[in-house]
Amino acid sequence: MNYKSDSKTDFGSIAVAICVGAYTAIMLAYLAQYDLGLTATETRHLSVVAALFLALPIALDLLRTGPGNAR
């Protein structure tokens, strides 16, 4: 049996992941603005800091291992 197609990520899964992420971002922005009383600028600054905090370990791991040796 050939299982090559089982290991691929299909377009539908990627689209669902993007839509769920976008919906979550919209709901968190609404929560921050209307329930917590943050302005749009404060929300933007906090989201950039959070994105950097989450992306930094991934980027450092990719830089450490190199492009051809990633797991």
C-alpha atoms as a PDB file:
ATOM      1  CA  MET A   1       0.000   0.000   0.000  1.00  0.00           C
ATOM      2  CA  ASN A   2       1.099   3.524  -0.734  1.00  0.00           C
ATOM      3  CA  TYR A   3       0.680   5.986   2.136  1.00  0.00           C
ATOM      4  CA  LYS A   4       2.270   9.041   0.499  1.00  0.00           C
ATOM      5  CA  SER A   5      -1.036  10.920   0.314  1.00  0.00           C
ATOM      6  CA  ASP A   6      -1.682  10.367   4.042  1.00  0.00           C
ATOM      7  CA  SER A   7       1.299  12.464   5.103  1.00  0.00           C
ATOM      8  CA  LYS A   8       0.344  15.538   3.056  1.00  0.00           C
ATOM      9  CA  THR A   9      -1.556  18.444   4.544  1.00  0.00           C
ATOM     10  CA  ASP A  10      -4.476  19.230   2.317  1.00  0.00           C
ATOM     11  CA  PHE A  11      -5.777  22.658   1.363  1.00  0.00           C
ATOM     12  CA  GLY A  12      -8.949  22.220   3.420  1.00  0.00           C
ATOM     13  CA  SER A  13      -7.023  21.757   6.661  1.00  0.00           C
ATOM     14  CA  ILE A  14      -4.932  24.854   5.990  1.00  0.00           C
ATOM     15  CA  ALA A  15      -8.027  26.917   5.171  1.00  0.00           C
ATOM     16  CA  VAL A  16      -9.802  25.785   8.346  1.00  0.00           C
ATOM     17  CA  ALA A  17      -6.739  26.570  10.478  1.00  0.00           C
ATOM     18  CA  ILE A  18      -6.480  30.077   8.986  1.00  0.00           C
ATOM     19  CA  CYS A  19     -10.197  30.753   9.474  1.00  0.00           C
ATOM     20  CA  VAL A  20     -10.159  29.534  13.074  1.00  0.00           C
ATOM     21  CA  GLY A  21      -7.087  31.669  13.799  1.00  0.00           C
ATOM     22  CA  ALA A  22      -8.698  34.742  12.237  1.00  0.00           C
ATOM     23  CA  TYR A  23     -11.943  34.219  14.159  1.00  0.00           C
ATOM     24  CA  THR A  24     -10.008  33.820  17.404  1.00  0.00           C
ATOM     25  CA  ALA A  25      -8.080  37.030  16.705  1.00  0.00           C
ATOM     26  CA  ILE A  26     -11.312  38.932  16.048  1.00  0.00           C
ATOM     27  CA  MET A  27     -12.890  37.666  19.258  1.00  0.00           C
ATOM     28  CA  LEU A  28      -9.787  38.507  21.329  1.00  0.00           C
ATOM     29  CA  ALA A  29      -9.672  42.015  19.834  1.00  0.00           C
ATOM     30  CA  TYR A  30     -13.349  42.503  20.708  1.00  0.00           C
ATOM     31  CA  LEU A  31     -12.736  41.261  24.242  1.00  0.00           C
ATOM     32  CA  ALA A  32      -9.732  43.541  24.692  1.00  0.00           C
ATOM     33  CA  GLN A  33     -11.489  46.618  23.357  1.00  0.00           C
ATOM     34  CA  TYR A  34     -14.968  46.348  24.857  1.00  0.00           C
ATOM     35  CA  ASP A  35     -14.528  44.253  28.002  1.00  0.00           C
ATOM     36  CA  LEU A  36     -11.030  45.262  29.112  1.00  0.00           C
ATOM     37  CA  GLY A  37     -11.221  48.841  27.846  1.00  0.00           C
ATOM     38  CA  LEU A  38      -8.009  48.808  25.800  1.00  0.00           C
ATOM     39  CA  THR A  39      -7.661  51.120  22.819  1.00  0.00           C
ATOM     40  CA  ALA A  40      -6.903  49.830  19.338  1.00  0.00           C
ATOM     41  CA  THR A  41      -3.327  51.104  19.597  1.00  0.00           C
ATOM     42  CA  GLU A  42      -2.739  49.317  22.905  1.00  0.00           C
ATOM     43  CA  THR A  43      -4.189  46.116  21.486  1.00  0.00           C
ATOM     44  CA  ARG A  44      -1.950  46.398  18.424  1.00  0.00           C
ATOM     45  CA  HIS A  45       1.184  46.923  20.507  1.00  0.00           C
ATOM     46  CA  LEU A  46       0.357  44.021  22.833  1.00  0.00           C
ATOM     47  CA  SER A  47      -0.345  41.704  19.913  1.00  0.00           C
ATOM     48  CA  VAL A  48       2.986  42.543  18.259  1.00  0.00           C
ATOM     49  CA  VAL A  49       4.835  41.843  21.521  1.00  0.00           C
ATOM     50  CA  ALA A  50       2.968  38.550  21.930  1.00  0.00           C
ATOM     51  CA  ALA A  51       3.713  37.526  18.333  1.00  0.00           C
ATOM     52  CA  LEU A  52       7.408  38.255  18.809  1.00  0.00           C
ATOM     53  CA  PHE A  53       7.424  36.340  22.092  1.00  0.00           C
ATOM     54  CA  LEU A  54       5.820  33.306  20.439  1.00  0.00           C
ATOM     55  CA  ALA A  55       7.831  33.412  17.202  1.00  0.00           C
ATOM     56  CA  LEU A  56      11.258  34.002  18.735  1.00  0.00           C
ATOM     57  CA  PRO A  57      11.852  30.404  19.970  1.00  0.00           C
ATOM     58  CA  ILE A  58      10.794  29.014  16.590  1.00  0.00           C
ATOM     59  CA  ALA A  59      13.103  31.358  14.704  1.00  0.00           C
ATOM     60  CA  LEU A  60      16.005  30.606  17.036  1.00  0.00           C
ATOM     61  CA  ASP A  61      15.485  26.873  16.596  1.00  0.00           C
ATOM     62  CA  LEU A  62      15.482  27.217  12.820  1.00  0.00           C
ATOM     63  CA  LEU A  63      18.633  29.329  12.924  1.00  0.00           C
ATOM     64  CA  ARG A  64      20.344  26.849  15.242  1.00  0.00           C
ATOM     65  CA  THR A  65      19.616  23.764  13.148  1.00  0.00           C
ATOM     66  CA  GLY A  66      19.918  25.309   9.686  1.00  0.00           C
ATOM     67  CA  PRO A  67      17.464  25.048   6.820  1.00  0.00           C
ATOM     68  CA  GLY A  68      18.354  21.503   5.729  1.00  0.00           C
ATOM     69  CA  ASN A  69      18.333  19.890   9.172  1.00  0.00           C
ATOM     70  CA  ALA A  70      14.926  21.000  10.525  1.00  0.00           C
ATOM     71  CA  ARG A  71      12.872  18.275  12.133  1.00  0.00           C
END
